[in-house]
Amino acid sequence: MRHATAADVDRLLRSFPDEDPEVALLRTRTHSYATECGCSTGGAFLVLAVIAAPVALTLEDAWAPLTVLWSLMLVVSASLAGKAAGVAVATVRLQLLRHSLRHQPSVLGGEQCPPAPNG
């Protein structure tokens, strides 16, 4: 879905003059959103979970082996959730960029682009 949206944004950007410096910036942003893997967000969630898990275990005095195992599984789950959140945010940003290019011709000073073909 992201790659189709990115292709749509590229098609919209081709309707603007290539010499416009904003076009190059928008192409870079489009590529960044389309290739986002969520690793940085997943890493942030992982760090937060690694810090929070031992703190929670200490505050609750719950260092039983089964509880520690559940905590480790929650740390891994937090990392995966962060990765998914990073990809989702990039997808939404890409769709918002496409929407702004389609419906606000003043973004780059061009005329309003026709709607994309269905598909």
C-alpha atoms as a PDB file:
ATOM      1  CA  MET A   1       0.000   0.000   0.000  1.00  0.00           C
ATOM      2  CA  ARG A   2       2.791   2.442   0.873  1.00  0.00           C
ATOM      3  CA  HIS A   3       4.619   1.798  -2.365  1.00  0.00           C
ATOM      4  CA  ALA A   4       1.461   2.406  -4.413  1.00  0.00           C
ATOM      5  CA  THR A   5       0.856   5.634  -2.497  1.00  0.00           C
ATOM      6  CA  ALA A   6       4.481   6.663  -3.034  1.00  0.00           C
ATOM      7  CA  ALA A   7       4.107   6.012  -6.765  1.00  0.00           C
ATOM      8  CA  ASP A   8       0.975   8.159  -6.745  1.00  0.00           C
ATOM      9  CA  VAL A   9       2.859  10.966  -4.970  1.00  0.00           C
ATOM     10  CA  ASP A  10       5.695  10.694  -7.508  1.00  0.00           C
ATOM     11  CA  ARG A  11       3.154  10.949 -10.317  1.00  0.00           C
ATOM     12  CA  LEU A  12       1.709  14.070  -8.699  1.00  0.00           C
ATOM     13  CA  LEU A  13       5.166  15.584  -8.222  1.00  0.00           C
ATOM     14  CA  ARG A  14       5.960  15.096 -11.926  1.00  0.00           C
ATOM     15  CA  SER A  15       3.263  17.669 -12.678  1.00  0.00           C
ATOM     16  CA  PHE A  16       5.342  20.352 -10.920  1.00  0.00           C
ATOM     17  CA  PRO A  17       8.466  22.022 -12.351  1.00  0.00           C
ATOM     18  CA  ASP A  18      11.640  20.034 -11.636  1.00  0.00           C
ATOM     19  CA  GLU A  19      13.588  23.185 -10.818  1.00  0.00           C
ATOM     20  CA  ASP A  20      11.334  23.879  -7.821  1.00  0.00           C
ATOM     21  CA  PRO A  21      13.498  23.090  -4.739  1.00  0.00           C
ATOM     22  CA  GLU A  22      10.418  21.957  -2.810  1.00  0.00           C
ATOM     23  CA  VAL A  23       9.854  19.159  -5.323  1.00  0.00           C
ATOM     24  CA  ALA A  24      13.233  17.625  -4.481  1.00  0.00           C
ATOM     25  CA  LEU A  25      12.495  17.877  -0.767  1.00  0.00           C
ATOM     26  CA  LEU A  26       9.090  16.269  -1.230  1.00  0.00           C
ATOM     27  CA  ARG A  27      10.600  13.459  -3.302  1.00  0.00           C
ATOM     28  CA  THR A  28      13.109  12.806  -0.521  1.00  0.00           C
ATOM     29  CA  ARG A  29      10.341  12.820   2.078  1.00  0.00           C
ATOM     30  CA  THR A  30       8.230  10.487  -0.079  1.00  0.00           C
ATOM     31  CA  HIS A  31      11.123   8.030  -0.384  1.00  0.00           C
ATOM     32  CA  SER A  32      11.724   8.196   3.358  1.00  0.00           C
ATOM     33  CA  TYR A  33       8.082   7.449   4.162  1.00  0.00           C
ATOM     34  CA  ALA A  34       7.849   4.676   1.574  1.00  0.00           C
ATOM     35  CA  THR A  35      10.939   2.872   2.864  1.00  0.00           C
ATOM     36  CA  GLU A  36      10.355   3.366   6.607  1.00  0.00           C
ATOM     37  CA  CYS A  37      10.808   0.022   8.363  1.00  0.00           C
ATOM     38  CA  GLY A  38       9.882   1.133  11.866  1.00  0.00           C
ATOM     39  CA  CYS A  39      13.244   0.182  13.346  1.00  0.00           C
ATOM     40  CA  SER A  40      13.873   3.469  15.141  1.00  0.00           C
ATOM     41  CA  THR A  41      10.411   3.485  16.725  1.00  0.00           C
ATOM     42  CA  GLY A  42      10.745  -0.195  17.598  1.00  0.00           C
ATOM     43  CA  GLY A  43      14.119   0.550  19.170  1.00  0.00           C
ATOM     44  CA  ALA A  44      12.649   3.372  21.238  1.00  0.00           C
ATOM     45  CA  PHE A  45       9.842   1.108  22.454  1.00  0.00           C
ATOM     46  CA  LEU A  46      12.418  -1.592  23.242  1.00  0.00           C
ATOM     47  CA  VAL A  47      14.557   0.765  25.322  1.00  0.00           C
ATOM     48  CA  LEU A  48      11.519   2.024  27.194  1.00  0.00           C
ATOM     49  CA  ALA A  49      10.319  -1.530  27.895  1.00  0.00           C
ATOM     50  CA  VAL A  50      13.792  -2.683  28.992  1.00  0.00           C
ATOM     51  CA  ILE A  51      13.882   0.175  31.505  1.00  0.00           C
ATOM     52  CA  ALA A  52      10.276  -0.210  32.651  1.00  0.00           C
ATOM     53  CA  ALA A  53      10.248  -4.006  33.112  1.00  0.00           C
ATOM     54  CA  PRO A  54      12.839  -4.256  35.924  1.00  0.00           C
ATOM     55  CA  VAL A  55      11.415  -1.155  37.584  1.00  0.00           C
ATOM     56  CA  ALA A  56       7.936  -2.687  37.591  1.00  0.00           C
ATOM     57  CA  LEU A  57       9.263  -6.046  38.802  1.00  0.00           C
ATOM     58  CA  THR A  58      11.134  -4.310  41.632  1.00  0.00           C
ATOM     59  CA  LEU A  59       8.208  -2.118  42.676  1.00  0.00           C
ATOM     60  CA  GLU A  60       5.865  -5.103  42.717  1.00  0.00           C
ATOM     61  CA  ASP A  61       8.516  -7.390  44.248  1.00  0.00           C
ATOM     62  CA  ALA A  62       7.592  -9.965  41.626  1.00  0.00           C
ATOM     63  CA  TRP A  63      10.846 -11.631  40.645  1.00  0.00           C
ATOM     64  CA  ALA A  64       9.369 -15.121  40.270  1.00  0.00           C
ATOM     65  CA  PRO A  65      10.760 -16.911  37.189  1.00  0.00           C
ATOM     66  CA  LEU A  66       7.387 -17.039  35.440  1.00  0.00           C
ATOM     67  CA  THR A  67       6.808 -13.317  36.001  1.00  0.00           C
ATOM     68  CA  VAL A  68      10.273 -12.491  34.663  1.00  0.00           C
ATOM     69  CA  LEU A  69       9.567 -14.646  31.585  1.00  0.00           C
ATOM     70  CA  TRP A  70       6.299 -12.775  30.978  1.00  0.00           C
ATOM     71  CA  SER A  71       8.155  -9.499  31.361  1.00  0.00           C
ATOM     72  CA  LEU A  72      10.703 -10.551  28.737  1.00  0.00           C
ATOM     73  CA  MET A  73       7.893 -11.486  26.359  1.00  0.00           C
ATOM     74  CA  LEU A  74       6.318  -8.080  26.954  1.00  0.00           C
ATOM     75  CA  VAL A  75       9.640  -6.398  26.136  1.00  0.00           C
ATOM     76  CA  VAL A  76       9.786  -8.229  22.806  1.00  0.00           C
ATOM     77  CA  SER A  77       6.117  -7.432  22.156  1.00  0.00           C
ATOM     78  CA  ALA A  78       6.734  -3.751  22.869  1.00  0.00           C
ATOM     79  CA  SER A  79       9.521  -3.723  20.304  1.00  0.00           C
ATOM     80  CA  LEU A  80       7.288  -5.310  17.667  1.00  0.00           C
ATOM     81  CA  ALA A  81       4.456  -2.912  18.508  1.00  0.00           C
ATOM     82  CA  GLY A  82       6.851   0.018  18.122  1.00  0.00           C
ATOM     83  CA  LYS A  83       7.997  -1.274  14.750  1.00  0.00           C
ATOM     84  CA  ALA A  84       4.382  -1.577  13.587  1.00  0.00           C
ATOM     85  CA  ALA A  85       3.615   1.911  14.927  1.00  0.00           C
ATOM     86  CA  GLY A  86       6.571   3.375  13.012  1.00  0.00           C
ATOM     87  CA  VAL A  87       5.376   1.827   9.757  1.00  0.00           C
ATOM     88  CA  ALA A  88       1.804   2.971  10.424  1.00  0.00           C
ATOM     89  CA  VAL A  89       2.888   6.560  11.110  1.00  0.00           C
ATOM     90  CA  ALA A  90       4.965   6.631   7.917  1.00  0.00           C
ATOM     91  CA  THR A  91       1.987   5.309   5.947  1.00  0.00           C
ATOM     92  CA  VAL A  92      -0.313   7.975   7.355  1.00  0.00           C
ATOM     93  CA  ARG A  93       2.242  10.713   6.657  1.00  0.00           C
ATOM     94  CA  LEU A  94       2.606   9.506   3.086  1.00  0.00           C
ATOM     95  CA  GLN A  95      -1.166   9.505   2.595  1.00  0.00           C
ATOM     96  CA  LEU A  96      -1.418  13.006   4.062  1.00  0.00           C
ATOM     97  CA  LEU A  97       1.316  14.188   1.700  1.00  0.00           C
ATOM     98  CA  ARG A  98      -0.563  12.708  -1.254  1.00  0.00           C
ATOM     99  CA  HIS A  99      -3.780  14.339  -0.070  1.00  0.00           C
ATOM    100  CA  SER A 100      -2.143  17.748   0.296  1.00  0.00           C
ATOM    101  CA  LEU A 101      -0.607  17.533  -3.181  1.00  0.00           C
ATOM    102  CA  ARG A 102      -3.888  16.453  -4.703  1.00  0.00           C
ATOM    103  CA  HIS A 103      -6.187  18.954  -3.031  1.00  0.00           C
ATOM    104  CA  GLN A 104      -4.042  21.996  -2.335  1.00  0.00           C
ATOM    105  CA  PRO A 105      -2.353  23.159  -5.520  1.00  0.00           C
ATOM    106  CA  SER A 106      -0.767  26.025  -3.630  1.00  0.00           C
ATOM    107  CA  VAL A 107       1.585  23.554  -1.924  1.00  0.00           C
ATOM    108  CA  LEU A 108       4.021  24.013  -4.802  1.00  0.00           C
ATOM    109  CA  GLY A 109       2.391  26.845  -6.670  1.00  0.00           C
ATOM    110  CA  GLY A 110       0.970  24.612  -9.393  1.00  0.00           C
ATOM    111  CA  GLU A 111      -2.503  23.971 -10.669  1.00  0.00           C
ATOM    112  CA  GLN A 112      -4.719  21.401  -8.999  1.00  0.00           C
ATOM    113  CA  CYS A 113      -3.857  17.882 -10.118  1.00  0.00           C
ATOM    114  CA  PRO A 114      -6.573  15.570 -11.428  1.00  0.00           C
ATOM    115  CA  PRO A 115      -7.607  12.723  -9.140  1.00  0.00           C
ATOM    116  CA  ALA A 116      -5.677   9.483  -9.460  1.00  0.00           C
ATOM    117  CA  PRO A 117      -7.276   6.701 -11.487  1.00  0.00           C
ATOM    118  CA  ASN A 118      -9.071   4.069  -9.422  1.00  0.00           C
ATOM    119  CA  GLY A 119      -7.038   1.042  -8.633  1.00  0.00           C
END
